[in-house]
Amino acid sequence: MKRIWSAIKEIFQGSERDFTKGSIKTALFFLAIPMILEMAMESLFAIVDIYFISKLDSENATATIGLTEVFMFIVMSVALGISMAATAVVARRIGEKNEDQAGTAAAQAIILAVLVSCVIAIVGVSFAEDLLRLMGSSEELIAEGVIYTKIILGFNVVLVLLYVNNAIFRGAGDANIAMKTLWLANGINIVLDPCLILGLWIFPKWGLMGAAIATCIGRGIGVLYQFYHLFKGTHRFKVLVSDFKIKLNIIKKLFNISLGGAGQHLLTSASWIFIARIINEFGAEAFAGYTYSFRVIVFTILPSWGVAMAAATLVGQNLGANQPERAEKTVWTAAFYNMILLAVISVVFLIAAEPVMRIFTDNPIVIDNGVMCLQIVCLGYIFYAYEMVIGQSFNGAGDTVTPTILNFICFWIIQIPLAYFLAKVVGLGPKGVYITIAISSSILAILAIIVFRRGKWKTQKV
């Protein structure tokens, strides 16, 4: 018991271990636990946020959240692309024991993130109504929800920096700071949500607008906390003011890696726009069920991403230390544990999907649609467990092109046409879409395993 308590204490204080040496299981434990807790807090917020939105008793409000998230998937794709580049380059420099260059790379990633988010903000605010209309939204929904969309897209910089800065900490092996950041940001968000959405205590009842403001405040405070630690320095590296002098060679390297990273997520996100568009054609209640169920899916998937991101960090650091075989063994170990985690969650969904959906709504049609989504999509979880870890490991090695190609094949050549065919042509409706999601995710995992075994990623230069 004393040994376990000592390990937990070390995790929360920040481990000073060299993750390129010693037990792989121990390395995964010390990196994955804070990342899992970090993702768990993120997923908890997603559930709490939609829960309080549901109290507005407006299907338009719920649908607005779902529709805006479709476009935020694109923003997150850009953020994740830059994050992957930051993790890969920082992890490689840390593995090489070159802490000064790790700090410089971190600063250049932040510069790139700010520039890109400013462009997104201008486009998002200027065309918010058109974006919602593009998704087939009614004028009533647009009038009610456009302010939420404008705020979330207009202040996307706090989301982008939150992701990129945490990726920097993870690449350096400082997962506990990334964990504490999301605990702080989402903790504030969870407290402010009911206050600003429902008008509790002295706060105004702002509804959807309140949800957007709470989100931006929470994330903004989280970013300030990150910058405090970046400039203060951790036991692994420190970012200096001089590091923010633009270095085009590093930005170019980061940009090239992030193109593949953003590309793979943009392909995924853009495909989800089509998926959401298909489901939306079956009515607001069907789309509300989809929105609720996918918040629950996010709640279960994000902790699993913690395991995958731990593997990505270890791959980058071990390749930097010239230990490719150790990097590969790390991936298979992480994937196995991830499979066990998602298998347990799948069983829970198959048994208790309806009680879970009743947390959010008592509308029987919405519940039926949500239950159907949860029970069908979870059938692909075991395959997806491997794809998550292997896909992130490609990225951790700096090979963001391979996952991009695999995503294009599975989401655009397979998922979108098959979803349309089953839903519209065969007449299965939303059920056809959910069947397609499970099938395409399983195929993606199989292809990822085949390509990973070839080992080309081991020679990737970063």
Protein backbone atom coordinates (compact mmCIF):
# COMPACT_ATOMS: atom_id res chain seq x y z
CA MET A 1 0.00 0.00 0.00
CA LYS A 2 2.86 2.35 0.84
CA ARG A 3 4.40 1.69 -2.57
CA ILE A 4 1.12 2.47 -4.35
CA TRP A 5 0.64 5.68 -2.37
CA SER A 6 4.21 6.71 -3.20
CA ALA A 7 3.56 6.14 -6.91
CA ILE A 8 0.32 8.15 -6.84
CA LYS A 9 2.08 10.98 -5.00
CA GLU A 10 4.83 11.01 -7.61
CA ILE A 11 2.27 11.16 -10.43
CA PHE A 12 0.53 14.22 -8.97
CA GLN A 13 3.76 15.97 -8.07
CA GLY A 14 5.29 15.30 -11.48
CA SER A 15 7.50 12.34 -12.23
CA GLU A 16 11.18 13.00 -12.87
CA ARG A 17 11.71 9.56 -14.37
CA ASP A 18 13.55 8.92 -17.64
CA PHE A 19 10.87 7.15 -19.65
CA THR A 20 13.39 5.77 -22.16
CA LYS A 21 14.70 3.38 -19.51
CA GLY A 22 13.29 0.75 -17.18
CA SER A 23 9.91 -0.99 -17.26
CA ILE A 24 7.57 -0.11 -20.15
CA LYS A 25 4.53 -0.88 -17.98
CA THR A 26 5.80 1.53 -15.33
CA ALA A 27 6.44 4.23 -17.93
CA LEU A 28 2.92 3.77 -19.30
CA PHE A 29 1.49 3.90 -15.79
CA PHE A 30 3.20 7.17 -14.86
CA LEU A 31 2.22 8.84 -18.15
CA ALA A 32 -1.17 7.27 -18.81
CA ILE A 33 -2.74 7.79 -15.36
CA PRO A 34 -2.54 11.61 -15.41
CA MET A 35 -3.56 11.62 -19.07
CA ILE A 36 -6.55 9.39 -18.33
CA LEU A 37 -7.56 11.65 -15.43
CA GLU A 38 -7.06 14.67 -17.70
CA MET A 39 -9.31 13.20 -20.38
CA ALA A 40 -11.83 12.02 -17.79
CA MET A 41 -12.26 15.60 -16.61
CA GLU A 42 -12.68 16.77 -20.21
CA SER A 43 -15.32 14.13 -20.83
CA LEU A 44 -17.06 14.90 -17.53
CA PHE A 45 -17.43 18.50 -18.62
CA ALA A 46 -18.93 17.38 -21.94
CA ILE A 47 -21.61 15.45 -20.04
CA VAL A 48 -22.28 18.22 -17.50
CA ASP A 49 -22.48 20.87 -20.23
CA ILE A 50 -25.12 19.03 -22.26
CA TYR A 51 -26.97 18.11 -19.05
CA PHE A 52 -27.55 21.75 -18.10
CA ILE A 53 -28.34 22.68 -21.70
CA SER A 54 -31.03 19.98 -21.62
CA LYS A 55 -32.65 21.81 -18.69
CA LEU A 56 -33.54 24.66 -21.03
CA ASP A 57 -36.18 22.30 -22.42
CA SER A 58 -35.34 23.31 -25.99
CA GLU A 59 -34.54 20.81 -28.71
CA ASN A 60 -33.16 23.74 -30.72
CA ALA A 61 -30.67 24.49 -27.95
CA THR A 62 -29.46 20.90 -27.88
CA ALA A 63 -29.30 20.76 -31.67
CA THR A 64 -27.30 24.02 -31.73
CA ILE A 65 -24.70 22.46 -29.44
CA GLY A 66 -24.46 19.44 -31.71
CA LEU A 67 -24.28 21.48 -34.91
CA THR A 68 -21.68 23.90 -33.52
CA GLU A 69 -19.60 20.97 -32.33
CA VAL A 70 -19.50 19.70 -35.90
CA PHE A 71 -17.63 22.87 -36.85
CA MET A 72 -15.59 22.80 -33.66
CA PHE A 73 -14.43 19.38 -34.78
CA ILE A 74 -12.70 21.23 -37.59
CA VAL A 75 -11.15 23.70 -35.15
CA MET A 76 -10.06 20.81 -32.95
CA SER A 77 -8.58 19.11 -36.01
CA VAL A 78 -6.35 22.12 -36.58
CA ALA A 79 -5.50 22.27 -32.86
CA LEU A 80 -4.76 18.55 -32.76
CA GLY A 81 -2.63 18.80 -35.90
CA ILE A 82 -0.40 21.43 -34.33
CA SER A 83 -0.53 19.48 -31.05
CA MET A 84 0.73 16.33 -32.75
CA ALA A 85 3.62 18.26 -34.27
CA ALA A 86 4.44 19.82 -30.89
CA THR A 87 4.34 16.46 -29.10
CA ALA A 88 6.47 14.73 -31.75
CA VAL A 89 9.18 17.42 -31.91
CA VAL A 90 9.32 18.16 -28.15
CA ALA A 91 9.34 14.45 -27.27
CA ARG A 92 12.13 13.79 -29.77
CA ARG A 93 14.24 16.64 -28.36
CA ILE A 94 13.64 15.44 -24.80
CA GLY A 95 14.65 11.91 -25.84
CA GLU A 96 17.84 13.38 -27.29
CA LYS A 97 18.40 15.24 -23.97
CA ASN A 98 18.27 18.60 -25.81
CA GLU A 99 16.06 20.63 -23.45
CA ASP A 100 16.93 24.05 -24.93
CA GLN A 101 15.67 23.05 -28.37
CA ALA A 102 12.57 21.54 -26.77
CA GLY A 103 11.72 24.97 -25.32
CA THR A 104 12.31 26.68 -28.66
CA ALA A 105 10.10 24.18 -30.48
CA ALA A 106 7.35 24.72 -27.90
CA ALA A 107 7.40 28.51 -28.44
CA GLN A 108 7.24 28.16 -32.21
CA ALA A 109 4.26 25.80 -31.90
CA ILE A 110 2.45 28.42 -29.81
CA ILE A 111 3.11 31.11 -32.44
CA LEU A 112 1.70 28.84 -35.16
CA ALA A 113 -1.37 28.07 -33.03
CA VAL A 114 -2.21 31.75 -32.43
CA LEU A 115 -1.88 32.69 -36.09
CA VAL A 116 -4.15 29.89 -37.27
CA SER A 117 -6.79 30.47 -34.59
CA CYS A 118 -7.09 34.15 -35.54
CA VAL A 119 -7.99 33.20 -39.11
CA ILE A 120 -10.60 30.70 -37.84
CA ALA A 121 -12.13 33.34 -35.54
CA ILE A 122 -12.61 35.85 -38.36
CA VAL A 123 -14.28 33.28 -40.61
CA GLY A 124 -16.38 31.76 -37.81
CA VAL A 125 -17.84 35.03 -36.54
CA SER A 126 -18.46 36.42 -40.03
CA PHE A 127 -20.27 33.34 -41.36
CA ALA A 128 -21.86 31.77 -38.25
CA GLU A 129 -25.42 32.01 -39.57
CA ASP A 130 -24.42 30.63 -42.96
CA LEU A 131 -22.64 27.70 -41.32
CA LEU A 132 -25.75 26.73 -39.33
CA ARG A 133 -27.91 27.18 -42.43
CA LEU A 134 -25.52 24.95 -44.37
CA MET A 135 -26.32 22.15 -41.93
CA GLY A 136 -30.02 22.40 -42.76
CA SER A 137 -30.99 24.30 -39.60
CA SER A 138 -34.32 26.11 -39.42
CA GLU A 139 -34.43 29.90 -39.17
CA GLU A 140 -35.87 29.50 -35.68
CA LEU A 141 -32.85 27.45 -34.57
CA ILE A 142 -30.45 29.92 -36.15
CA ALA A 143 -32.06 32.86 -34.37
CA GLU A 144 -31.86 31.07 -31.04
CA GLY A 145 -28.43 29.55 -31.35
CA VAL A 146 -26.23 31.77 -33.54
CA ILE A 147 -24.83 33.74 -30.56
CA TYR A 148 -23.49 30.48 -29.08
CA THR A 149 -21.81 29.59 -32.38
CA LYS A 150 -20.26 33.06 -32.74
CA ILE A 151 -18.79 33.07 -29.22
CA ILE A 152 -17.38 29.54 -29.41
CA LEU A 153 -15.81 30.06 -32.85
CA GLY A 154 -14.74 33.64 -32.12
CA PHE A 155 -12.77 32.65 -29.03
CA ASN A 156 -11.42 29.40 -30.45
CA VAL A 157 -7.89 30.54 -29.57
CA VAL A 158 -8.39 29.42 -25.96
CA LEU A 159 -9.28 25.91 -27.13
CA VAL A 160 -6.40 25.76 -29.61
CA LEU A 161 -3.83 26.95 -27.05
CA LEU A 162 -5.25 24.63 -24.39
CA TYR A 163 -4.65 21.67 -26.71
CA VAL A 164 -1.25 22.78 -28.03
CA ASN A 165 0.22 23.74 -24.65
CA ASN A 166 -0.92 20.46 -23.11
CA ALA A 167 0.63 18.60 -26.05
CA ILE A 168 3.91 20.36 -25.28
CA PHE A 169 3.78 19.23 -21.65
CA ARG A 170 2.90 15.66 -22.69
CA GLY A 171 5.74 15.53 -25.20
CA ALA A 172 8.13 16.53 -22.43
CA GLY A 173 6.67 13.87 -20.15
CA ASP A 174 5.07 16.45 -17.81
CA ALA A 175 1.64 14.85 -18.01
CA ASN A 176 0.65 15.99 -14.52
CA ILE A 177 0.67 19.68 -15.58
CA ALA A 178 -1.56 18.87 -18.56
CA MET A 179 -3.87 16.99 -16.20
CA LYS A 180 -4.07 19.86 -13.69
CA THR A 181 -4.73 22.32 -16.52
CA LEU A 182 -7.86 20.54 -17.68
CA TRP A 183 -8.99 19.96 -14.11
CA LEU A 184 -8.75 23.70 -13.50
CA ALA A 185 -10.30 24.78 -16.83
CA ASN A 186 -13.14 22.30 -16.80
CA GLY A 187 -13.71 22.61 -13.05
CA ILE A 188 -14.36 26.33 -13.48
CA ASN A 189 -16.50 25.55 -16.50
CA ILE A 190 -18.61 23.04 -14.58
CA VAL A 191 -19.22 25.57 -11.77
CA LEU A 192 -20.08 28.41 -14.15
CA ASP A 193 -22.30 26.33 -16.44
CA PRO A 194 -25.41 26.07 -14.23
CA CYS A 195 -24.88 29.62 -12.98
CA LEU A 196 -24.81 31.26 -16.41
CA ILE A 197 -27.13 28.85 -18.23
CA LEU A 198 -29.90 28.67 -15.62
CA GLY A 199 -29.29 31.95 -13.77
CA LEU A 200 -28.42 30.59 -10.34
CA TRP A 201 -27.66 32.85 -7.37
CA ILE A 202 -26.62 36.36 -8.54
CA PHE A 203 -25.92 35.30 -12.12
CA PRO A 204 -28.12 36.19 -15.12
CA LYS A 205 -29.96 33.46 -17.01
CA TRP A 206 -28.18 33.56 -20.36
CA GLY A 207 -29.08 30.09 -21.64
CA LEU A 208 -26.96 29.06 -24.62
CA MET A 209 -24.92 32.26 -24.48
CA GLY A 210 -24.10 31.48 -20.85
CA ALA A 211 -22.80 28.04 -21.82
CA ALA A 212 -20.48 29.62 -24.39
CA ILE A 213 -19.19 32.27 -21.97
CA ALA A 214 -18.58 29.70 -19.23
CA THR A 215 -16.60 27.56 -21.66
CA CYS A 216 -14.40 30.44 -22.81
CA ILE A 217 -13.71 31.67 -19.26
CA GLY A 218 -12.77 28.19 -18.03
CA ARG A 219 -10.47 27.50 -20.97
CA GLY A 220 -8.95 30.98 -20.80
CA ILE A 221 -7.96 30.52 -17.16
CA GLY A 222 -6.53 27.12 -18.05
CA VAL A 223 -4.33 28.72 -20.73
CA LEU A 224 -3.02 31.31 -18.24
CA TYR A 225 -2.11 28.45 -15.88
CA GLN A 226 -0.22 26.74 -18.72
CA PHE A 227 1.79 29.84 -19.57
CA TYR A 228 2.72 30.24 -15.91
CA HIS A 229 4.34 26.80 -15.93
CA LEU A 230 5.91 27.21 -19.38
CA PHE A 231 7.72 30.39 -18.33
CA LYS A 232 8.41 29.23 -14.79
CA GLY A 233 9.90 26.02 -16.16
CA THR A 234 9.43 22.40 -15.20
CA HIS A 235 12.02 19.84 -14.19
CA ARG A 236 12.33 18.90 -17.88
CA PHE A 237 12.46 22.18 -19.83
CA LYS A 238 11.63 25.89 -19.81
CA VAL A 239 10.32 28.32 -22.41
CA LEU A 240 12.16 31.65 -22.57
CA VAL A 241 10.89 34.94 -23.99
CA SER A 242 13.71 34.77 -26.54
CA ASP A 243 12.30 31.45 -27.79
CA PHE A 244 9.36 33.40 -29.26
CA LYS A 245 11.57 34.99 -31.88
CA ILE A 246 10.18 33.53 -35.10
CA LYS A 247 12.35 30.73 -36.48
CA LEU A 248 11.01 29.85 -39.89
CA ASN A 249 12.89 26.55 -40.17
CA ILE A 250 11.24 25.20 -36.99
CA ILE A 251 7.82 26.63 -37.88
CA LYS A 252 8.11 25.02 -41.31
CA LYS A 253 8.93 21.67 -39.72
CA LEU A 254 6.04 21.98 -37.31
CA PHE A 255 3.72 23.13 -40.09
CA ASN A 256 4.61 20.18 -42.32
CA ILE A 257 3.98 17.68 -39.52
CA SER A 258 0.80 19.46 -38.44
CA LEU A 259 -0.56 19.39 -42.00
CA GLY A 260 -0.74 15.62 -41.81
CA GLY A 261 -2.10 15.74 -38.27
CA ALA A 262 -4.71 18.35 -39.10
CA GLY A 263 -5.45 16.56 -42.35
CA GLN A 264 -6.30 13.27 -40.69
CA HIS A 265 -8.61 14.97 -38.21
CA LEU A 266 -10.10 17.31 -40.82
CA LEU A 267 -10.92 14.29 -42.93
CA THR A 268 -12.54 12.71 -39.90
CA SER A 269 -14.32 15.91 -38.82
CA ALA A 270 -15.53 16.76 -42.29
CA SER A 271 -16.90 13.25 -42.66
CA TRP A 272 -18.80 13.78 -39.40
CA ILE A 273 -20.40 16.86 -40.95
CA PHE A 274 -21.90 14.60 -43.61
CA ILE A 275 -22.87 12.04 -40.99
CA ALA A 276 -24.57 14.73 -38.89
CA ARG A 277 -26.25 16.10 -42.02
CA ILE A 278 -27.74 12.68 -42.79
CA ILE A 279 -29.04 12.21 -39.25
CA ASN A 280 -30.42 15.75 -39.12
CA GLU A 281 -32.68 14.90 -42.08
CA PHE A 282 -34.59 12.52 -39.81
CA GLY A 283 -35.71 15.33 -37.50
CA ALA A 284 -34.66 17.30 -34.40
CA GLU A 285 -35.47 14.41 -32.04
CA ALA A 286 -33.27 11.98 -33.95
CA PHE A 287 -30.47 14.53 -33.96
CA ALA A 288 -30.94 15.27 -30.25
CA GLY A 289 -30.59 11.54 -29.52
CA TYR A 290 -27.43 11.49 -31.61
CA THR A 291 -26.06 14.54 -29.74
CA TYR A 292 -26.73 13.11 -26.27
CA SER A 293 -25.33 9.70 -27.14
CA PHE A 294 -22.16 11.09 -28.66
CA ARG A 295 -21.54 13.16 -25.54
CA VAL A 296 -21.69 9.89 -23.62
CA ILE A 297 -19.40 8.23 -26.17
CA VAL A 298 -16.93 11.10 -25.75
CA PHE A 299 -17.13 10.55 -22.00
CA THR A 300 -15.96 6.95 -22.46
CA ILE A 301 -13.51 7.51 -25.32
CA LEU A 302 -11.52 10.44 -23.94
CA PRO A 303 -9.97 8.53 -21.01
CA SER A 304 -8.95 5.92 -23.55
CA TRP A 305 -7.21 8.68 -25.48
CA GLY A 306 -5.09 9.15 -22.38
CA VAL A 307 -3.57 5.72 -22.93
CA ALA A 308 -3.05 6.47 -26.62
CA MET A 309 -1.34 9.81 -25.93
CA ALA A 310 0.93 8.19 -23.36
CA ALA A 311 2.01 5.73 -26.05
CA ALA A 312 2.65 8.62 -28.48
CA THR A 313 4.91 10.39 -25.99
CA LEU A 314 6.87 7.22 -25.27
CA VAL A 315 7.27 6.48 -28.98
CA GLY A 316 8.69 9.98 -29.60
CA GLN A 317 11.06 9.87 -26.64
CA ASN A 318 12.29 6.34 -27.36
CA LEU A 319 12.91 7.12 -31.02
CA GLY A 320 14.85 10.20 -29.87
CA ALA A 321 16.90 7.89 -27.63
CA ASN A 322 17.45 5.57 -30.65
CA GLN A 323 15.38 2.71 -29.20
CA PRO A 324 12.82 1.82 -31.92
CA GLU A 325 12.18 -1.71 -30.65
CA ARG A 326 11.29 -0.40 -27.21
CA ALA A 327 8.97 2.10 -28.89
CA GLU A 328 7.16 -0.69 -30.74
CA LYS A 329 6.79 -2.85 -27.64
CA THR A 330 5.29 0.15 -25.86
CA VAL A 331 2.58 0.47 -28.52
CA TRP A 332 1.43 -3.16 -28.31
CA THR A 333 1.37 -3.02 -24.51
CA ALA A 334 -0.71 0.19 -24.48
CA ALA A 335 -3.11 -1.15 -27.12
CA PHE A 336 -3.80 -4.29 -25.11
CA TYR A 337 -4.69 -2.34 -21.96
CA ASN A 338 -6.83 0.04 -24.02
CA MET A 339 -8.73 -2.90 -25.47
CA ILE A 340 -9.58 -4.18 -21.98
CA LEU A 341 -10.81 -0.72 -20.95
CA LEU A 342 -13.10 -0.27 -23.95
CA ALA A 343 -14.38 -3.85 -23.79
CA VAL A 344 -15.69 -3.18 -20.28
CA ILE A 345 -17.36 0.04 -21.46
CA SER A 346 -18.99 -1.81 -24.36
CA VAL A 347 -20.62 -4.26 -21.97
CA VAL A 348 -21.96 -1.37 -19.87
CA PHE A 349 -23.50 0.28 -22.93
CA LEU A 350 -25.14 -2.92 -24.08
CA ILE A 351 -26.73 -3.42 -20.67
CA ALA A 352 -27.47 0.11 -19.42
CA ALA A 353 -27.86 2.38 -22.48
CA GLU A 354 -31.46 3.35 -21.67
CA PRO A 355 -30.86 4.46 -18.04
CA VAL A 356 -27.89 6.48 -19.27
CA MET A 357 -30.01 8.31 -21.86
CA ARG A 358 -32.76 9.02 -19.31
CA ILE A 359 -30.28 11.20 -17.44
CA PHE A 360 -30.64 13.78 -20.21
CA THR A 361 -34.24 13.54 -21.41
CA ASP A 362 -37.61 11.87 -20.88
CA ASN A 363 -38.59 12.18 -24.57
CA PRO A 364 -39.11 8.53 -25.64
CA ILE A 365 -38.15 9.16 -29.28
CA VAL A 366 -34.92 10.91 -28.30
CA ILE A 367 -34.15 8.11 -25.84
CA ASP A 368 -34.74 5.39 -28.45
CA ASN A 369 -32.42 7.12 -30.90
CA GLY A 370 -29.73 7.60 -28.27
CA VAL A 371 -29.92 4.00 -27.05
CA MET A 372 -29.68 2.72 -30.62
CA CYS A 373 -26.57 4.84 -31.22
CA LEU A 374 -24.81 3.74 -28.03
CA GLN A 375 -25.50 0.03 -28.46
CA ILE A 376 -24.47 -0.14 -32.11
CA VAL A 377 -21.41 2.12 -32.06
CA CYS A 378 -19.90 0.35 -29.02
CA LEU A 379 -19.70 -2.87 -31.06
CA GLY A 380 -16.60 -1.45 -32.73
CA TYR A 381 -14.90 -0.39 -29.50
CA ILE A 382 -12.50 -3.33 -29.23
CA PHE A 383 -11.13 -2.64 -32.71
CA TYR A 384 -11.10 1.07 -32.08
CA ALA A 385 -8.93 0.55 -28.98
CA TYR A 386 -6.06 -0.62 -31.17
CA GLU A 387 -6.60 2.06 -33.81
CA MET A 388 -6.48 4.83 -31.21
CA VAL A 389 -3.12 3.73 -29.83
CA ILE A 390 -1.53 2.88 -33.17
CA GLY A 391 -2.79 6.05 -34.85
CA GLN A 392 -1.40 8.23 -32.05
CA SER A 393 1.87 6.29 -32.14
CA PHE A 394 2.33 7.12 -35.82
CA ASN A 395 1.83 10.76 -34.85
CA GLY A 396 4.22 10.49 -31.92
CA ALA A 397 6.86 9.28 -34.35
CA GLY A 398 6.20 12.31 -36.57
CA ASP A 399 4.52 10.23 -39.28
CA THR A 400 1.21 12.04 -39.65
CA VAL A 401 0.78 11.13 -43.32
CA THR A 402 0.00 7.43 -42.80
CA PRO A 403 -2.99 8.00 -40.47
CA THR A 404 -4.26 10.66 -42.89
CA ILE A 405 -4.33 8.19 -45.77
CA LEU A 406 -6.01 5.53 -43.63
CA ASN A 407 -8.64 8.03 -42.44
CA PHE A 408 -9.40 9.06 -46.02
CA ILE A 409 -9.96 5.47 -47.06
CA CYS A 410 -12.15 4.53 -44.12
CA PHE A 411 -14.17 7.70 -43.63
CA TRP A 412 -14.58 9.02 -47.16
CA ILE A 413 -14.41 5.97 -49.39
CA ILE A 414 -16.21 3.64 -46.98
CA GLN A 415 -18.11 5.45 -44.21
CA ILE A 416 -19.91 8.31 -45.98
CA PRO A 417 -21.20 6.37 -49.03
CA LEU A 418 -22.19 3.38 -46.89
CA ALA A 419 -23.96 5.57 -44.32
CA TYR A 420 -26.00 7.27 -47.04
CA PHE A 421 -26.78 3.95 -48.71
CA LEU A 422 -27.96 2.22 -45.53
CA ALA A 423 -29.84 5.23 -44.14
CA LYS A 424 -31.49 6.59 -47.28
CA VAL A 425 -31.47 3.89 -49.94
CA VAL A 426 -31.99 0.80 -47.80
CA GLY A 427 -34.22 2.83 -45.48
CA LEU A 428 -32.60 2.02 -42.13
CA GLY A 429 -32.52 5.69 -41.13
CA PRO A 430 -30.15 6.66 -38.28
CA LYS A 431 -29.62 2.96 -37.52
CA GLY A 432 -27.86 2.58 -40.86
CA VAL A 433 -25.52 5.43 -39.96
CA TYR A 434 -24.58 3.87 -36.61
CA ILE A 435 -23.95 0.48 -38.21
CA THR A 436 -21.64 2.20 -40.68
CA ILE A 437 -19.69 3.93 -37.89
CA ALA A 438 -18.97 0.59 -36.20
CA ILE A 439 -17.96 -1.05 -39.50
CA SER A 440 -15.67 1.74 -40.73
CA SER A 441 -13.94 2.06 -37.32
CA SER A 442 -13.21 -1.67 -37.30
CA ILE A 443 -11.78 -1.60 -40.82
CA LEU A 444 -9.61 1.39 -39.87
CA ALA A 445 -8.14 -0.54 -36.94
CA ILE A 446 -7.30 -3.56 -39.08
CA LEU A 447 -5.57 -1.43 -41.72
CA ALA A 448 -3.63 0.49 -39.04
CA ILE A 449 -2.30 -2.75 -37.53
CA ILE A 450 -1.16 -4.02 -40.94
CA VAL A 451 0.69 -0.81 -41.82
CA PHE A 452 2.20 -0.43 -38.34
CA ARG A 453 3.76 -3.90 -38.51
CA ARG A 454 5.76 -2.86 -41.57
CA GLY A 455 7.82 -0.54 -39.32
CA LYS A 456 8.45 2.37 -41.67
CA TRP A 457 7.52 4.79 -38.86
CA LYS A 458 10.70 3.80 -37.00
CA THR A 459 12.85 5.71 -39.48
CA GLN A 460 10.78 8.93 -39.51
CA LYS A 461 12.97 12.04 -39.15
CA VAL A 462 11.73 14.91 -36.96
